[in-house]
PDB file of N, CA and C in Angstrom:
ATOM      1  N   MET A   1       5.133  55.388   2.950  1.00  0.00           N
ATOM      2  CA  MET A   1       4.874  54.450   4.023  1.00  0.00           C
ATOM      3  C   MET A   1       5.921  54.635   5.108  1.00  0.00           C
ATOM      4  N   THR A   2       5.562  55.350   6.090  1.00  0.00           N
ATOM      5  CA  THR A   2       6.525  55.706   7.123  1.00  0.00           C
ATOM      6  C   THR A   2       6.790  54.590   8.120  1.00  0.00           C
ATOM      7  N   GLY A   3       5.757  53.845   8.548  1.00  0.00           N
ATOM      8  CA  GLY A   3       5.930  52.824   9.573  1.00  0.00           C
ATOM      9  C   GLY A   3       6.555  51.547   9.054  1.00  0.00           C
ATOM     10  N   GLU A   4       5.864  50.811   8.297  1.00  0.00           N
ATOM     11  CA  GLU A   4       6.217  49.583   7.596  1.00  0.00           C
ATOM     12  C   GLU A   4       7.522  48.909   8.058  1.00  0.00           C
ATOM     13  N   PRO A   5       7.575  48.422   9.302  1.00  0.00           N
ATOM     14  CA  PRO A   5       8.818  47.869   9.819  1.00  0.00           C
ATOM     15  C   PRO A   5       9.044  46.389   9.539  1.00  0.00           C
ATOM     16  N   HIS A   6       8.077  45.710   8.985  1.00  0.00           N
ATOM     17  CA  HIS A   6       8.150  44.256   8.879  1.00  0.00           C
ATOM     18  C   HIS A   6       8.540  43.788   7.479  1.00  0.00           C
ATOM     19  N   LYS A   7       9.062  42.556   7.425  1.00  0.00           N
ATOM     20  CA  LYS A   7       9.466  42.027   6.124  1.00  0.00           C
ATOM     21  C   LYS A   7       8.258  41.555   5.315  1.00  0.00           C
ATOM     22  N   VAL A   8       8.383  41.657   3.999  1.00  0.00           N
ATOM     23  CA  VAL A   8       7.337  41.247   3.066  1.00  0.00           C
ATOM     24  C   VAL A   8       7.662  39.837   2.589  1.00  0.00           C
ATOM     25  N   VAL A   9       6.664  38.942   2.639  1.00  0.00           N
ATOM     26  CA  VAL A   9       6.892  37.541   2.303  1.00  0.00           C
ATOM     27  C   VAL A   9       5.761  36.979   1.447  1.00  0.00           C
ATOM     28  N   LEU A  10       6.077  35.871   0.798  1.00  0.00           N
ATOM     29  CA  LEU A  10       5.084  35.013   0.147  1.00  0.00           C
ATOM     30  C   LEU A  10       5.027  33.753   0.996  1.00  0.00           C
ATOM     31  N   ILE A  11       3.847  33.406   1.480  1.00  0.00           N
ATOM     32  CA  ILE A  11       3.675  32.204   2.284  1.00  0.00           C
ATOM     33  C   ILE A  11       2.780  31.242   1.530  1.00  0.00           C
ATOM     34  N   GLU A  12       3.262  30.026   1.334  1.00  0.00           N
ATOM     35  CA  GLU A  12       2.438  28.962   0.769  1.00  0.00           C
ATOM     36  C   GLU A  12       1.998  28.095   1.935  1.00  0.00           C
ATOM     37  N   TRP A  13       0.670  27.909   2.058  1.00  0.00           N
ATOM     38  CA  TRP A  13       0.159  27.153   3.197  1.00  0.00           C
ATOM     39  C   TRP A  13      -1.061  26.337   2.806  1.00  0.00           C
ATOM     40  N   GLU A  14      -1.266  25.263   3.549  1.00  0.00           N
ATOM     41  CA  GLU A  14      -2.344  24.328   3.248  1.00  0.00           C
ATOM     42  C   GLU A  14      -3.554  24.667   4.112  1.00  0.00           C
ATOM     43  N   ASP A  15      -4.673  24.941   3.462  1.00  0.00           N
ATOM     44  CA  ASP A  15      -5.874  25.362   4.163  1.00  0.00           C
ATOM     45  C   ASP A  15      -6.904  24.229   4.182  1.00  0.00           C
ATOM     46  N   ALA A  16      -7.764  24.277   5.167  1.00  0.00           N
ATOM     47  CA  ALA A  16      -8.866  23.320   5.252  1.00  0.00           C
ATOM     48  C   ALA A  16      -9.883  23.615   4.144  1.00  0.00           C
ATOM     49  N   THR A  17     -10.678  22.617   3.832  1.00  0.00           N
ATOM     50  CA  THR A  17     -11.702  22.752   2.795  1.00  0.00           C
ATOM     51  C   THR A  17     -13.058  22.395   3.390  1.00  0.00           C
ATOM     52  N   TYR A  18     -14.070  23.063   2.920  1.00  0.00           N
ATOM     53  CA  TYR A  18     -15.433  22.797   3.369  1.00  0.00           C
ATOM     54  C   TYR A  18     -16.303  22.499   2.148  1.00  0.00           C
ATOM     55  N   GLU A  19     -17.037  21.415   2.206  1.00  0.00           N
ATOM     56  CA  GLU A  19     -17.978  21.067   1.142  1.00  0.00           C
ATOM     57  C   GLU A  19     -19.350  20.870   1.778  1.00  0.00           C
ATOM     58  N   LEU A  20     -20.311  21.694   1.406  1.00  0.00           N
ATOM     59  CA  LEU A  20     -21.649  21.612   1.983  1.00  0.00           C
ATOM     60  C   LEU A  20     -22.360  20.308   1.603  1.00  0.00           C
ATOM     61  N   ASP A  21     -22.266  19.965   0.329  1.00  0.00           N
ATOM     62  CA  ASP A  21     -22.987  18.796  -0.169  1.00  0.00           C
ATOM     63  C   ASP A  21     -22.096  18.072  -1.181  1.00  0.00           C
ATOM     64  N   PRO A  22     -21.054  17.398  -0.706  1.00  0.00           N
ATOM     65  CA  PRO A  22     -20.099  16.784  -1.632  1.00  0.00           C
ATOM     66  C   PRO A  22     -20.725  15.670  -2.460  1.00  0.00           C
ATOM     67  N   GLN A  23     -20.379  15.661  -3.735  1.00  0.00           N
ATOM     68  CA  GLN A  23     -20.857  14.621  -4.640  1.00  0.00           C
ATOM     69  C   GLN A  23     -19.981  13.370  -4.552  1.00  0.00           C
ATOM     70  N   ASN A  24     -18.699  13.590  -4.244  1.00  0.00           N
ATOM     71  CA  ASN A  24     -17.772  12.458  -4.171  1.00  0.00           C
ATOM     72  C   ASN A  24     -16.791  12.708  -3.024  1.00  0.00           C
ATOM     73  N   ILE A  25     -16.941  12.000  -1.936  1.00  0.00           N
ATOM     74  CA  ILE A  25     -16.095  12.174  -0.750  1.00  0.00           C
ATOM     75  C   ILE A  25     -14.623  11.960  -1.081  1.00  0.00           C
ATOM     76  N   ASP A  26     -14.310  11.070  -2.016  1.00  0.00           N
ATOM     77  CA  ASP A  26     -12.915  10.767  -2.366  1.00  0.00           C
ATOM     78  C   ASP A  26     -12.206  11.940  -3.039  1.00  0.00           C
ATOM     79  N   GLU A  27     -12.941  12.920  -3.544  1.00  0.00           N
ATOM     80  CA  GLU A  27     -12.326  14.060  -4.234  1.00  0.00           C
ATOM     81  C   GLU A  27     -12.071  15.260  -3.313  1.00  0.00           C
ATOM     82  N   ILE A  28     -12.478  15.181  -2.056  1.00  0.00           N
ATOM     83  CA  ILE A  28     -12.273  16.303  -1.137  1.00  0.00           C
ATOM     84  C   ILE A  28     -10.817  16.340  -0.698  1.00  0.00           C
ATOM     85  N   ARG A  29     -10.191  17.479  -0.868  1.00  0.00           N
ATOM     86  CA  ARG A  29      -8.779  17.676  -0.523  1.00  0.00           C
ATOM     87  C   ARG A  29      -8.612  19.032   0.149  1.00  0.00           C
ATOM     88  N   THR A  30      -7.512  19.185   0.869  1.00  0.00           N
ATOM     89  CA  THR A  30      -7.151  20.504   1.359  1.00  0.00           C
ATOM     90  C   THR A  30      -6.722  21.342   0.160  1.00  0.00           C
ATOM     91  N   GLN A  31      -6.571  22.645   0.361  1.00  0.00           N
ATOM     92  CA  GLN A  31      -6.193  23.536  -0.731  1.00  0.00           C
ATOM     93  C   GLN A  31      -4.920  24.282  -0.392  1.00  0.00           C
ATOM     94  N   MET A  32      -4.023  24.411  -1.372  1.00  0.00           N
ATOM     95  CA  MET A  32      -2.825  25.206  -1.193  1.00  0.00           C
ATOM     96  C   MET A  32      -3.178  26.669  -1.451  1.00  0.00           C
ATOM     97  N   VAL A  33      -2.770  27.531  -0.539  1.00  0.00           N
ATOM     98  CA  VAL A  33      -3.071  28.954  -0.606  1.00  0.00           C
ATOM     99  C   VAL A  33      -1.752  29.717  -0.614  1.00  0.00           C
ATOM    100  N   ARG A  34      -1.709  30.822  -1.336  1.00  0.00           N
ATOM    101  CA  ARG A  34      -0.539  31.706  -1.332  1.00  0.00           C
ATOM    102  C   ARG A  34      -0.981  33.068  -0.808  1.00  0.00           C
ATOM    103  N   THR A  35      -0.301  33.518   0.224  1.00  0.00           N
ATOM    104  CA  THR A  35      -0.590  34.811   0.828  1.00  0.00           C
ATOM    105  C   THR A  35       0.664  35.667   0.743  1.00  0.00           C
ATOM    106  N   VAL A  36       0.512  36.900   0.260  1.00  0.00           N
ATOM    107  CA  VAL A  36       1.627  37.847   0.204  1.00  0.00           C
ATOM    108  C   VAL A  36       1.317  38.963   1.186  1.00  0.00           C
ATOM    109  N   GLY A  37       2.313  39.313   2.014  1.00  0.00           N
ATOM    110  CA  GLY A  37       2.087  40.394   2.958  1.00  0.00           C
ATOM    111  C   GLY A  37       3.229  40.563   3.937  1.00  0.00           C
ATOM    112  N   TRP A  38       2.953  41.373   4.949  1.00  0.00           N
ATOM    113  CA  TRP A  38       3.925  41.667   6.004  1.00  0.00           C
ATOM    114  C   TRP A  38       3.677  40.734   7.177  1.00  0.00           C
ATOM    115  N   ILE A  39       4.725  40.095   7.701  1.00  0.00           N
ATOM    116  CA  ILE A  39       4.588  39.335   8.940  1.00  0.00           C
ATOM    117  C   ILE A  39       4.618  40.361  10.069  1.00  0.00           C
ATOM    118  N   VAL A  40       3.462  40.607  10.664  1.00  0.00           N
ATOM    119  CA  VAL A  40       3.368  41.651  11.682  1.00  0.00           C
ATOM    120  C   VAL A  40       3.568  41.117  13.098  1.00  0.00           C
ATOM    121  N   ARG A  41       3.375  39.819  13.264  1.00  0.00           N
ATOM    122  CA  ARG A  41       3.597  39.200  14.569  1.00  0.00           C
ATOM    123  C   ARG A  41       3.726  37.710  14.379  1.00  0.00           C
ATOM    124  N   GLU A  42       4.450  37.089  15.284  1.00  0.00           N
ATOM    125  CA  GLU A  42       4.623  35.644  15.227  1.00  0.00           C
ATOM    126  C   GLU A  42       4.752  35.135  16.662  1.00  0.00           C
ATOM    127  N   ASP A  43       4.094  33.990  16.940  1.00  0.00           N
ATOM    128  CA  ASP A  43       4.249  33.361  18.243  1.00  0.00           C
ATOM    129  C   ASP A  43       4.445  31.864  18.033  1.00  0.00           C
ATOM    130  N   ASP A  44       4.353  31.073  19.088  1.00  0.00           N
ATOM    131  CA  ASP A  44       4.600  29.628  18.974  1.00  0.00           C
ATOM    132  C   ASP A  44       3.580  28.922  18.089  1.00  0.00           C
ATOM    133  N   ASP A  45       2.380  29.473  17.976  1.00  0.00           N
ATOM    134  CA  ASP A  45       1.307  28.803  17.244  1.00  0.00           C
ATOM    135  C   ASP A  45       1.130  29.264  15.804  1.00  0.00           C
ATOM    136  N   ALA A  46       1.330  30.558  15.549  1.00  0.00           N
ATOM    137  CA  ALA A  46       0.956  31.090  14.234  1.00  0.00           C
ATOM    138  C   ALA A  46       1.770  32.324  13.872  1.00  0.00           C
ATOM    139  N   MET A  47       1.706  32.662  12.579  1.00  0.00           N
ATOM    140  CA  MET A  47       2.239  33.936  12.121  1.00  0.00           C
ATOM    141  C   MET A  47       1.057  34.783  11.671  1.00  0.00           C
ATOM    142  N   ILE A  48       1.113  36.059  11.985  1.00  0.00           N
ATOM    143  CA  ILE A  48       0.048  36.990  11.638  1.00  0.00           C
ATOM    144  C   ILE A  48       0.548  37.815  10.460  1.00  0.00           C
ATOM    145  N   VAL A  49      -0.167  37.739   9.339  1.00  0.00           N
ATOM    146  CA  VAL A  49       0.259  38.354   8.084  1.00  0.00           C
ATOM    147  C   VAL A  49      -0.793  39.356   7.634  1.00  0.00           C
ATOM    148  N   ALA A  50      -0.347  40.557   7.268  1.00  0.00           N
ATOM    149  CA  ALA A  50      -1.247  41.600   6.775  1.00  0.00           C
ATOM    150  C   ALA A  50      -0.998  41.813   5.290  1.00  0.00           C
ATOM    151  N   SER A  51      -2.059  41.842   4.512  1.00  0.00           N
ATOM    152  CA  SER A  51      -1.945  42.024   3.063  1.00  0.00           C
ATOM    153  C   SER A  51      -1.884  43.484   2.642  1.00  0.00           C
ATOM    154  N   GLU A  52      -2.270  44.394   3.549  1.00  0.00           N
ATOM    155  CA  GLU A  52      -2.237  45.819   3.222  1.00  0.00           C
ATOM    156  C   GLU A  52      -1.581  46.604   4.339  1.00  0.00           C
ATOM    157  N   TYR A  53      -0.865  47.666   3.960  1.00  0.00           N
ATOM    158  CA  TYR A  53      -0.316  48.624   4.922  1.00  0.00           C
ATOM    159  C   TYR A  53      -0.936  49.983   4.629  1.00  0.00           C
ATOM    160  N   ASN A  54      -1.388  50.673   5.690  1.00  0.00           N
ATOM    161  CA  ASN A  54      -2.077  51.941   5.507  1.00  0.00           C
ATOM    162  C   ASN A  54      -1.704  52.866   6.666  1.00  0.00           C
ATOM    163  N   ASP A  55      -1.037  53.979   6.360  1.00  0.00           N
ATOM    164  CA  ASP A  55      -0.654  54.946   7.395  1.00  0.00           C
ATOM    165  C   ASP A  55      -1.858  55.500   8.140  1.00  0.00           C
ATOM    166  N   GLY A  56      -3.059  55.465   7.540  1.00  0.00           N
ATOM    167  CA  GLY A  56      -4.247  56.029   8.157  1.00  0.00           C
ATOM    168  C   GLY A  56      -4.937  55.111   9.151  1.00  0.00           C
ATOM    169  N   VAL A  57      -4.477  53.872   9.262  1.00  0.00           N
ATOM    170  CA  VAL A  57      -5.068  52.911  10.190  1.00  0.00           C
ATOM    171  C   VAL A  57      -4.202  52.861  11.439  1.00  0.00           C
ATOM    172  N   LYS A  58      -4.835  52.807  12.617  1.00  0.00           N
ATOM    173  CA  LYS A  58      -4.088  52.859  13.876  1.00  0.00           C
ATOM    174  C   LYS A  58      -2.966  51.818  13.926  1.00  0.00           C
ATOM    175  N   SER A  59      -3.249  50.570  13.593  1.00  0.00           N
ATOM    176  CA  SER A  59      -2.220  49.520  13.624  1.00  0.00           C
ATOM    177  C   SER A  59      -1.283  49.616  12.423  1.00  0.00           C
ATOM    178  N   GLY A  60      -1.756  50.294  11.362  1.00  0.00           N
ATOM    179  CA  GLY A  60      -0.988  50.386  10.124  1.00  0.00           C
ATOM    180  C   GLY A  60      -1.308  49.281   9.136  1.00  0.00           C
ATOM    181  N   TYR A  61      -1.984  48.243   9.604  1.00  0.00           N
ATOM    182  CA  TYR A  61      -2.210  47.071   8.745  1.00  0.00           C
ATOM    183  C   TYR A  61      -3.683  46.749   8.614  1.00  0.00           C
ATOM    184  N   ARG A  62      -4.046  46.187   7.438  1.00  0.00           N
ATOM    185  CA  ARG A  62      -5.410  45.725   7.175  1.00  0.00           C
ATOM    186  C   ARG A  62      -5.335  44.357   6.510  1.00  0.00           C
ATOM    187  N   GLN A  63      -6.484  43.709   6.406  1.00  0.00           N
ATOM    188  CA  GLN A  63      -6.612  42.381   5.810  1.00  0.00           C
ATOM    189  C   GLN A  63      -5.602  41.426   6.450  1.00  0.00           C
ATOM    190  N   VAL A  64      -5.795  41.182   7.719  1.00  0.00           N
ATOM    191  CA  VAL A  64      -4.856  40.401   8.530  1.00  0.00           C
ATOM    192  C   VAL A  64      -5.319  38.950   8.637  1.00  0.00           C
ATOM    193  N   THR A  65      -4.379  38.014   8.436  1.00  0.00           N
ATOM    194  CA  THR A  65      -4.656  36.583   8.489  1.00  0.00           C
ATOM    195  C   THR A  65      -3.735  35.913   9.495  1.00  0.00           C
ATOM    196  N   ALA A  66      -4.281  35.045  10.329  1.00  0.00           N
ATOM    197  CA  ALA A  66      -3.478  34.219  11.232  1.00  0.00           C
ATOM    198  C   ALA A  66      -3.288  32.855  10.564  1.00  0.00           C
ATOM    199  N   ILE A  67      -2.035  32.490  10.314  1.00  0.00           N
ATOM    200  CA  ILE A  67      -1.733  31.218   9.649  1.00  0.00           C
ATOM    201  C   ILE A  67      -0.985  30.333  10.644  1.00  0.00           C
ATOM    202  N   PRO A  68      -1.591  29.213  11.070  1.00  0.00           N
ATOM    203  CA  PRO A  68      -0.899  28.311  11.988  1.00  0.00           C
ATOM    204  C   PRO A  68       0.398  27.769  11.365  1.00  0.00           C
ATOM    205  N   HIS A  69       1.457  27.719  12.164  1.00  0.00           N
ATOM    206  CA  HIS A  69       2.750  27.220  11.667  1.00  0.00           C
ATOM    207  C   HIS A  69       2.636  25.831  11.050  1.00  0.00           C
ATOM    208  N   LEU A  70       1.785  24.978  11.615  1.00  0.00           N
ATOM    209  CA  LEU A  70       1.650  23.614  11.110  1.00  0.00           C
ATOM    210  C   LEU A  70       1.092  23.560   9.692  1.00  0.00           C
ATOM    211  N   MET A  71       0.457  24.643   9.232  1.00  0.00           N
ATOM    212  CA  MET A  71      -0.108  24.674   7.886  1.00  0.00           C
ATOM    213  C   MET A  71       0.862  25.252   6.855  1.00  0.00           C
ATOM    214  N   VAL A  72       1.923  25.891   7.304  1.00  0.00           N
ATOM    215  CA  VAL A  72       2.865  26.554   6.397  1.00  0.00           C
ATOM    216  C   VAL A  72       3.749  25.520   5.712  1.00  0.00           C
ATOM    217  N   ARG A  73       3.848  25.635   4.390  1.00  0.00           N
ATOM    218  CA  ARG A  73       4.702  24.735   3.608  1.00  0.00           C
ATOM    219  C   ARG A  73       5.976  25.431   3.119  1.00  0.00           C
ATOM    220  N   LYS A  74       5.899  26.761   2.869  1.00  0.00           N
ATOM    221  CA  LYS A  74       7.051  27.473   2.318  1.00  0.00           C
ATOM    222  C   LYS A  74       6.903  28.968   2.594  1.00  0.00           C
ATOM    223  N   ILE A  75       8.031  29.627   2.908  1.00  0.00           N
ATOM    224  CA  ILE A  75       8.055  31.076   3.082  1.00  0.00           C
ATOM    225  C   ILE A  75       9.187  31.631   2.236  1.00  0.00           C
ATOM    226  N   VAL A  76       8.875  32.631   1.410  1.00  0.00           N
ATOM    227  CA  VAL A  76       9.869  33.287   0.569  1.00  0.00           C
ATOM    228  C   VAL A  76       9.893  34.768   0.937  1.00  0.00           C
ATOM    229  N   GLN A  77      11.035  35.279   1.358  1.00  0.00           N
ATOM    230  CA  GLN A  77      11.129  36.705   1.668  1.00  0.00           C
ATOM    231  C   GLN A  77      11.226  37.476   0.360  1.00  0.00           C
ATOM    232  N   LEU A  78      10.335  38.444   0.165  1.00  0.00           N
ATOM    233  CA  LEU A  78      10.271  39.203  -1.075  1.00  0.00           C
ATOM    234  C   LEU A  78      11.052  40.499  -1.005  1.00  0.00           C
ATOM    235  N   ARG A  79      11.174  41.057   0.209  1.00  0.00           N
ATOM    236  CA  ARG A  79      11.894  42.307   0.364  1.00  0.00           C
ATOM    237  C   ARG A  79      12.405  42.395   1.786  1.00  0.00           C
ATOM    238  N   LYS A  80      13.636  42.835   1.930  1.00  0.00           N
ATOM    239  CA  LYS A  80      14.170  43.008   3.284  1.00  0.00           C
ATOM    240  C   LYS A  80      13.484  44.175   3.942  1.00  0.00           C
ATOM    241  N   LYS A  81      13.352  44.083   5.270  1.00  0.00           N
ATOM    242  CA  LYS A  81      12.677  45.170   5.995  1.00  0.00           C
ATOM    243  C   LYS A  81      13.526  46.405   6.063  1.00  0.00           C
TER     244      LYS A  81
END
């Protein structure tokens, strides 16, 4: 992996939930999600995290997720860049 300039992290974040036909409205909750990947970009609103790095892809990254800062509960750095 020649490019790979970004740090690898575990991000715990709270995601929205969708229920098409809920049986009990009182049981609907948000869901905690864990994403592992490279923080490839960050701005005032969100961090952009890629779960895969691939030298054959122009950007180098695949499976990219934008996680709003307001949804992030915890960030753990797994490896220094």
